[in-house]
Amino acid sequence: MKDTNCGYCMRGELLDKFGIYICDLSVSTLILFKEQSHPGRCIVAYKDHVSEIVNISEEERNAFFADVNRAAVAIHKAFKPDKLNYGAYGDTGCHLHMHLVPKYKDEYEWGGVFEMNPGKKFLTPEEYEDMIQRIKAEL
């Protein structure tokens, strides 16, 4: 099931507003978040347009969390954060997804909740591509 107003479902221009497609995982899509105040921040979005974790089977839920774990391991290896925060919200887009937000002790927002979209740090296309390649190398 897809929603034509959802960037996770339709990709293209809708996704381009906030993220860059990295790759497909077993039951989800890995996306680099364009705002990079937290270097390596990504989103793991479930393959179908469902709102809640309770809307998928136990098997699919386990596969989704395995995808989240796979992405987390890659982010840890590629960027070596001191902590990785996980956020699952979705009350506006209503598409099951999880934010993976690397935190670094000597950098932005250590010790506090991360801002959803601080709008402070955007990269060049080449810098985004470098980050994507670093993550893919660790998947």
N, C-alpha and C. Protein backbone atom coordinates (compact mmCIF):
# COMPACT_ATOMS: atom_id res chain seq x y z
N MET A 1 0.85 -1.17 0.00
CA MET A 1 0.00 0.00 0.00
C MET A 1 0.89 1.24 0.00
N LYS A 2 0.59 2.20 -0.86
CA LYS A 2 1.35 3.44 -0.97
C LYS A 2 0.41 4.64 -0.83
N ASP A 3 0.96 5.74 -0.33
CA ASP A 3 0.23 7.01 -0.24
C ASP A 3 0.92 7.99 -1.18
N THR A 4 0.20 8.53 -2.14
CA THR A 4 0.80 9.40 -3.15
C THR A 4 1.27 10.74 -2.60
N ASN A 5 0.94 11.05 -1.36
CA ASN A 5 1.41 12.29 -0.73
C ASN A 5 2.58 12.06 0.22
N CYS A 6 3.12 10.85 0.24
CA CYS A 6 4.15 10.47 1.20
C CYS A 6 5.51 10.33 0.52
N GLY A 7 6.51 11.03 1.04
CA GLY A 7 7.86 10.95 0.50
C GLY A 7 8.48 9.58 0.66
N TYR A 8 8.14 8.87 1.74
CA TYR A 8 8.68 7.52 1.94
C TYR A 8 8.10 6.56 0.91
N CYS A 9 6.85 6.75 0.54
CA CYS A 9 6.20 5.88 -0.44
C CYS A 9 6.60 6.23 -1.87
N MET A 10 6.59 7.51 -2.20
CA MET A 10 6.72 7.94 -3.59
C MET A 10 8.14 8.33 -3.98
N ARG A 11 8.97 8.62 -2.97
CA ARG A 11 10.35 9.09 -3.21
C ARG A 11 10.32 10.34 -4.07
N GLY A 12 11.21 10.47 -5.04
CA GLY A 12 11.21 11.64 -5.93
C GLY A 12 11.25 12.96 -5.18
N GLU A 13 10.51 13.93 -5.69
CA GLU A 13 10.51 15.29 -5.13
C GLU A 13 10.05 15.33 -3.68
N LEU A 14 9.12 14.48 -3.32
CA LEU A 14 8.62 14.48 -1.94
C LEU A 14 9.72 14.07 -0.96
N LEU A 15 10.49 13.05 -1.31
CA LEU A 15 11.59 12.63 -0.46
C LEU A 15 12.73 13.64 -0.50
N ASP A 16 12.98 14.20 -1.68
CA ASP A 16 14.09 15.15 -1.85
C ASP A 16 13.99 16.36 -0.93
N LYS A 17 12.81 16.65 -0.42
CA LYS A 17 12.65 17.80 0.47
C LYS A 17 13.41 17.61 1.78
N PHE A 18 13.59 16.34 2.20
CA PHE A 18 14.22 16.12 3.51
C PHE A 18 15.26 15.01 3.53
N GLY A 19 15.31 14.18 2.49
CA GLY A 19 16.22 13.05 2.56
C GLY A 19 16.73 12.59 1.21
N ILE A 20 17.71 11.67 1.28
CA ILE A 20 18.32 11.10 0.09
C ILE A 20 18.29 9.58 0.23
N TYR A 21 17.70 8.92 -0.74
CA TYR A 21 17.62 7.45 -0.76
C TYR A 21 19.03 6.86 -0.71
N ILE A 22 19.26 5.91 0.18
CA ILE A 22 20.53 5.19 0.23
C ILE A 22 20.36 3.82 -0.41
N CYS A 23 19.43 3.02 0.14
CA CYS A 23 19.22 1.67 -0.40
C CYS A 23 17.98 1.05 0.24
N ASP A 24 17.56 -0.06 -0.33
CA ASP A 24 16.49 -0.86 0.26
C ASP A 24 17.12 -1.88 1.18
N LEU A 25 16.45 -2.12 2.30
CA LEU A 25 16.83 -3.17 3.23
C LEU A 25 15.78 -4.27 3.12
N SER A 26 15.69 -5.18 4.04
CA SER A 26 14.80 -6.33 3.85
C SER A 26 13.33 -5.94 3.78
N VAL A 27 12.85 -5.05 4.68
CA VAL A 27 11.45 -4.63 4.64
C VAL A 27 11.32 -3.11 4.75
N SER A 28 12.40 -2.42 4.46
CA SER A 28 12.38 -0.97 4.63
C SER A 28 13.37 -0.29 3.69
N THR A 29 13.39 1.02 3.78
CA THR A 29 14.28 1.85 2.99
C THR A 29 15.17 2.64 3.93
N LEU A 30 16.45 2.73 3.60
CA LEU A 30 17.39 3.53 4.37
C LEU A 30 17.58 4.86 3.66
N ILE A 31 17.42 5.94 4.42
CA ILE A 31 17.44 7.30 3.86
C ILE A 31 18.42 8.15 4.68
N LEU A 32 19.26 8.91 4.00
CA LEU A 32 20.12 9.88 4.68
C LEU A 32 19.32 11.15 4.88
N PHE A 33 19.24 11.61 6.11
CA PHE A 33 18.52 12.86 6.43
C PHE A 33 19.38 14.02 5.94
N LYS A 34 18.80 14.92 5.15
CA LYS A 34 19.60 16.01 4.57
C LYS A 34 20.18 16.94 5.62
N GLU A 35 19.44 17.23 6.67
CA GLU A 35 19.94 18.11 7.72
C GLU A 35 20.91 17.28 8.56
N GLN A 36 22.19 17.67 8.53
CA GLN A 36 23.23 16.85 9.14
C GLN A 36 23.91 17.51 10.34
N SER A 37 23.14 18.15 11.22
CA SER A 37 23.71 18.65 12.47
C SER A 37 24.26 17.49 13.30
N HIS A 38 23.73 16.30 13.05
CA HIS A 38 24.20 15.08 13.70
C HIS A 38 24.77 14.20 12.59
N PRO A 39 26.09 14.26 12.35
CA PRO A 39 26.67 13.55 11.21
C PRO A 39 26.33 12.06 11.19
N GLY A 40 25.74 11.65 10.07
CA GLY A 40 25.33 10.27 9.89
C GLY A 40 23.86 10.01 10.15
N ARG A 41 23.09 11.05 10.45
CA ARG A 41 21.67 10.86 10.76
C ARG A 41 20.94 10.25 9.57
N CYS A 42 20.18 9.20 9.86
CA CYS A 42 19.43 8.48 8.83
C CYS A 42 18.01 8.19 9.31
N ILE A 43 17.21 7.72 8.38
CA ILE A 43 15.85 7.27 8.65
C ILE A 43 15.70 5.87 8.06
N VAL A 44 15.07 4.99 8.81
CA VAL A 44 14.68 3.68 8.30
C VAL A 44 13.16 3.72 8.19
N ALA A 45 12.65 3.64 6.95
CA ALA A 45 11.20 3.74 6.71
C ALA A 45 10.67 2.39 6.23
N TYR A 46 9.60 1.93 6.86
CA TYR A 46 8.98 0.66 6.50
C TYR A 46 8.50 0.71 5.04
N LYS A 47 8.50 -0.43 4.37
CA LYS A 47 8.21 -0.50 2.93
C LYS A 47 6.79 -0.08 2.55
N ASP A 48 5.83 -0.28 3.44
CA ASP A 48 4.44 0.04 3.14
C ASP A 48 3.97 1.22 3.98
N HIS A 49 2.93 1.87 3.53
CA HIS A 49 2.38 3.02 4.24
C HIS A 49 1.44 2.54 5.33
N VAL A 50 2.04 2.23 6.47
CA VAL A 50 1.27 1.89 7.67
C VAL A 50 1.67 2.88 8.75
N SER A 51 0.76 3.15 9.66
CA SER A 51 1.00 4.17 10.67
C SER A 51 1.70 3.64 11.91
N GLU A 52 1.35 2.45 12.33
CA GLU A 52 1.79 1.96 13.63
C GLU A 52 2.50 0.63 13.52
N ILE A 53 3.40 0.40 14.45
CA ILE A 53 4.11 -0.88 14.54
C ILE A 53 3.12 -2.02 14.76
N VAL A 54 1.98 -1.73 15.38
CA VAL A 54 0.98 -2.77 15.64
C VAL A 54 0.19 -3.13 14.37
N ASN A 55 0.41 -2.39 13.27
CA ASN A 55 -0.29 -2.66 12.02
C ASN A 55 0.43 -3.67 11.13
N ILE A 56 1.56 -4.20 11.62
CA ILE A 56 2.28 -5.19 10.83
C ILE A 56 2.42 -6.48 11.64
N SER A 57 2.69 -7.55 10.94
CA SER A 57 2.80 -8.85 11.61
C SER A 57 4.05 -8.91 12.48
N GLU A 58 4.08 -9.88 13.36
CA GLU A 58 5.26 -10.07 14.21
C GLU A 58 6.51 -10.32 13.36
N GLU A 59 6.36 -11.11 12.31
CA GLU A 59 7.48 -11.39 11.41
C GLU A 59 7.99 -10.10 10.75
N GLU A 60 7.08 -9.29 10.25
CA GLU A 60 7.47 -8.02 9.62
C GLU A 60 8.08 -7.06 10.64
N ARG A 61 7.52 -7.02 11.85
CA ARG A 61 8.06 -6.16 12.90
C ARG A 61 9.49 -6.56 13.23
N ASN A 62 9.72 -7.86 13.37
CA ASN A 62 11.07 -8.34 13.66
C ASN A 62 12.04 -8.00 12.53
N ALA A 63 11.56 -8.11 11.30
CA ALA A 63 12.41 -7.76 10.15
C ALA A 63 12.69 -6.25 10.12
N PHE A 64 11.69 -5.44 10.47
CA PHE A 64 11.88 -3.99 10.51
C PHE A 64 12.95 -3.63 11.54
N PHE A 65 12.84 -4.21 12.75
CA PHE A 65 13.84 -3.91 13.78
C PHE A 65 15.21 -4.48 13.41
N ALA A 66 15.26 -5.56 12.66
CA ALA A 66 16.54 -6.06 12.17
C ALA A 66 17.14 -5.05 11.19
N ASP A 67 16.30 -4.43 10.36
CA ASP A 67 16.78 -3.38 9.44
C ASP A 67 17.30 -2.17 10.23
N VAL A 68 16.57 -1.78 11.27
CA VAL A 68 17.03 -0.66 12.11
C VAL A 68 18.38 -1.00 12.71
N ASN A 69 18.53 -2.21 13.20
CA ASN A 69 19.80 -2.64 13.78
C ASN A 69 20.92 -2.64 12.75
N ARG A 70 20.62 -3.14 11.56
CA ARG A 70 21.64 -3.17 10.50
C ARG A 70 22.12 -1.76 10.17
N ALA A 71 21.18 -0.83 10.05
CA ALA A 71 21.54 0.56 9.78
C ALA A 71 22.34 1.15 10.94
N ALA A 72 21.93 0.84 12.18
CA ALA A 72 22.63 1.35 13.36
C ALA A 72 24.07 0.86 13.40
N VAL A 73 24.28 -0.40 13.12
CA VAL A 73 25.64 -0.95 13.10
C VAL A 73 26.48 -0.22 12.06
N ALA A 74 25.91 0.01 10.87
CA ALA A 74 26.65 0.71 9.81
C ALA A 74 26.99 2.14 10.22
N ILE A 75 26.04 2.83 10.85
CA ILE A 75 26.29 4.21 11.30
C ILE A 75 27.38 4.22 12.38
N HIS A 76 27.31 3.29 13.32
CA HIS A 76 28.36 3.21 14.35
C HIS A 76 29.73 2.98 13.73
N LYS A 77 29.82 2.08 12.77
CA LYS A 77 31.11 1.78 12.13
C LYS A 77 31.60 2.96 11.29
N ALA A 78 30.69 3.60 10.57
CA ALA A 78 31.09 4.67 9.64
C ALA A 78 31.42 5.98 10.34
N PHE A 79 30.68 6.32 11.41
CA PHE A 79 30.81 7.65 12.01
C PHE A 79 31.28 7.65 13.47
N LYS A 80 31.28 6.49 14.10
CA LYS A 80 31.76 6.33 15.48
C LYS A 80 31.15 7.33 16.47
N PRO A 81 29.81 7.41 16.51
CA PRO A 81 29.19 8.30 17.50
C PRO A 81 29.38 7.75 18.91
N ASP A 82 29.25 8.63 19.88
CA ASP A 82 29.29 8.21 21.28
C ASP A 82 27.98 7.54 21.70
N LYS A 83 26.90 7.88 21.01
CA LYS A 83 25.57 7.35 21.30
C LYS A 83 24.72 7.49 20.05
N LEU A 84 23.83 6.57 19.85
CA LEU A 84 22.87 6.68 18.75
C LEU A 84 21.49 6.76 19.37
N ASN A 85 20.78 7.85 19.10
CA ASN A 85 19.40 8.00 19.58
C ASN A 85 18.45 7.49 18.51
N TYR A 86 17.31 6.95 18.97
CA TYR A 86 16.31 6.39 18.07
C TYR A 86 15.00 7.13 18.33
N GLY A 87 14.38 7.62 17.26
CA GLY A 87 13.11 8.33 17.41
C GLY A 87 12.07 7.80 16.46
N ALA A 88 10.90 7.48 17.00
CA ALA A 88 9.78 7.01 16.18
C ALA A 88 8.59 7.91 16.48
N TYR A 89 8.21 8.70 15.50
CA TYR A 89 7.13 9.68 15.71
C TYR A 89 6.03 9.42 14.68
N GLY A 90 5.95 10.25 13.66
CA GLY A 90 5.04 9.97 12.56
C GLY A 90 3.62 10.46 12.73
N ASP A 91 3.38 11.43 13.62
CA ASP A 91 2.01 11.89 13.77
C ASP A 91 1.60 12.88 12.69
N THR A 92 2.51 13.26 11.80
CA THR A 92 2.10 14.10 10.67
C THR A 92 2.05 13.29 9.38
N GLY A 93 3.09 12.52 9.09
CA GLY A 93 3.11 11.72 7.86
C GLY A 93 2.47 10.36 8.01
N CYS A 94 2.35 9.88 9.24
CA CYS A 94 1.71 8.60 9.53
C CYS A 94 2.28 7.44 8.72
N HIS A 95 3.60 7.45 8.48
CA HIS A 95 4.28 6.34 7.82
C HIS A 95 5.30 5.80 8.82
N LEU A 96 5.21 4.53 9.15
CA LEU A 96 6.11 3.92 10.11
C LEU A 96 7.56 4.12 9.70
N HIS A 97 8.32 4.82 10.55
CA HIS A 97 9.73 5.05 10.29
C HIS A 97 10.44 5.34 11.60
N MET A 98 11.76 5.23 11.58
CA MET A 98 12.55 5.51 12.76
C MET A 98 13.74 6.37 12.38
N HIS A 99 13.95 7.44 13.16
CA HIS A 99 15.12 8.30 12.99
C HIS A 99 16.27 7.70 13.78
N LEU A 100 17.44 7.60 13.16
CA LEU A 100 18.66 7.15 13.83
C LEU A 100 19.58 8.37 13.89
N VAL A 101 19.78 8.88 15.09
CA VAL A 101 20.45 10.17 15.27
C VAL A 101 21.74 9.99 16.07
N PRO A 102 22.89 10.02 15.38
CA PRO A 102 24.17 9.90 16.08
C PRO A 102 24.41 11.13 16.96
N LYS A 103 24.90 10.87 18.17
CA LYS A 103 25.23 11.97 19.09
C LYS A 103 26.71 11.85 19.45
N TYR A 104 27.35 13.01 19.59
CA TYR A 104 28.78 13.09 19.85
C TYR A 104 28.99 13.97 21.08
N LYS A 105 29.79 13.50 22.03
CA LYS A 105 29.94 14.19 23.33
C LYS A 105 30.37 15.64 23.21
N ASP A 106 31.23 15.95 22.27
CA ASP A 106 31.75 17.32 22.17
C ASP A 106 31.05 18.15 21.11
N GLU A 107 29.85 17.72 20.69
CA GLU A 107 29.17 18.43 19.62
C GLU A 107 27.73 18.77 20.00
N TYR A 108 27.02 19.19 19.01
CA TYR A 108 25.66 19.70 19.08
C TYR A 108 24.71 18.79 19.87
N GLU A 109 24.03 19.35 20.86
CA GLU A 109 22.94 18.73 21.61
C GLU A 109 23.31 17.53 22.47
N TRP A 110 24.57 17.35 22.82
CA TRP A 110 24.90 16.22 23.69
C TRP A 110 24.16 16.38 25.01
N GLY A 111 23.55 15.31 25.48
CA GLY A 111 22.87 15.32 26.76
C GLY A 111 21.43 15.78 26.71
N GLY A 112 20.93 16.08 25.52
CA GLY A 112 19.54 16.52 25.40
C GLY A 112 18.84 15.79 24.27
N VAL A 113 17.56 16.02 24.17
CA VAL A 113 16.76 15.44 23.09
C VAL A 113 17.12 16.16 21.79
N PHE A 114 17.22 15.41 20.70
CA PHE A 114 17.59 16.03 19.44
C PHE A 114 16.42 16.82 18.85
N GLU A 115 16.78 17.92 18.17
CA GLU A 115 15.77 18.70 17.45
C GLU A 115 15.36 17.92 16.21
N MET A 116 14.09 17.93 15.89
CA MET A 116 13.62 17.17 14.74
C MET A 116 14.26 17.65 13.44
N ASN A 117 14.25 18.95 13.19
CA ASN A 117 14.85 19.48 11.97
C ASN A 117 15.41 20.86 12.27
N PRO A 118 16.60 20.91 12.86
CA PRO A 118 17.15 22.20 13.26
C PRO A 118 17.50 23.13 12.10
N GLY A 119 17.68 22.59 10.90
CA GLY A 119 17.95 23.43 9.73
C GLY A 119 19.28 24.15 9.78
N LYS A 120 20.25 23.63 10.51
CA LYS A 120 21.51 24.32 10.71
C LYS A 120 22.63 23.85 9.80
N LYS A 121 22.59 22.61 9.33
CA LYS A 121 23.73 22.09 8.58
C LYS A 121 23.29 21.26 7.39
N PHE A 122 23.53 21.81 6.21
CA PHE A 122 23.28 21.10 4.96
C PHE A 122 24.61 20.95 4.24
N LEU A 123 24.74 19.92 3.43
CA LEU A 123 26.01 19.59 2.80
C LEU A 123 25.95 19.77 1.29
N THR A 124 27.11 19.66 0.66
CA THR A 124 27.18 19.68 -0.81
C THR A 124 26.76 18.31 -1.33
N PRO A 125 26.39 18.20 -2.58
CA PRO A 125 26.07 16.88 -3.14
C PRO A 125 27.22 15.88 -2.96
N GLU A 126 28.45 16.36 -3.08
CA GLU A 126 29.61 15.48 -2.93
C GLU A 126 29.75 14.99 -1.49
N GLU A 127 29.48 15.85 -0.52
CA GLU A 127 29.55 15.45 0.88
C GLU A 127 28.47 14.43 1.22
N TYR A 128 27.26 14.65 0.67
CA TYR A 128 26.20 13.66 0.89
C TYR A 128 26.61 12.32 0.29
N GLU A 129 27.13 12.34 -0.91
CA GLU A 129 27.53 11.11 -1.58
C GLU A 129 28.62 10.38 -0.79
N ASP A 130 29.56 11.13 -0.23
CA ASP A 130 30.61 10.53 0.59
C ASP A 130 29.99 9.83 1.81
N MET A 131 29.04 10.49 2.46
CA MET A 131 28.38 9.88 3.63
C MET A 131 27.64 8.60 3.23
N ILE A 132 26.94 8.66 2.11
CA ILE A 132 26.19 7.49 1.64
C ILE A 132 27.14 6.33 1.37
N GLN A 133 28.25 6.61 0.74
CA GLN A 133 29.21 5.55 0.44
C GLN A 133 29.82 4.97 1.71
N ARG A 134 30.06 5.80 2.71
CA ARG A 134 30.59 5.32 3.99
C ARG A 134 29.59 4.37 4.66
N ILE A 135 28.31 4.73 4.61
CA ILE A 135 27.28 3.88 5.21
C ILE A 135 27.15 2.57 4.42
N LYS A 136 27.06 2.68 3.10
CA LYS A 136 26.92 1.46 2.26
C LYS A 136 28.08 0.49 2.47
N ALA A 137 29.27 1.03 2.66
CA ALA A 137 30.44 0.17 2.85
C ALA A 137 30.33 -0.66 4.13
N GLU A 138 29.52 -0.20 5.08
CA GLU A 138 29.39 -0.89 6.36
C GLU A 138 28.12 -1.73 6.48
N LEU A 139 27.25 -1.68 5.47
CA LEU A 139 26.00 -2.47 5.55
C LEU A 139 26.27 -3.96 5.32
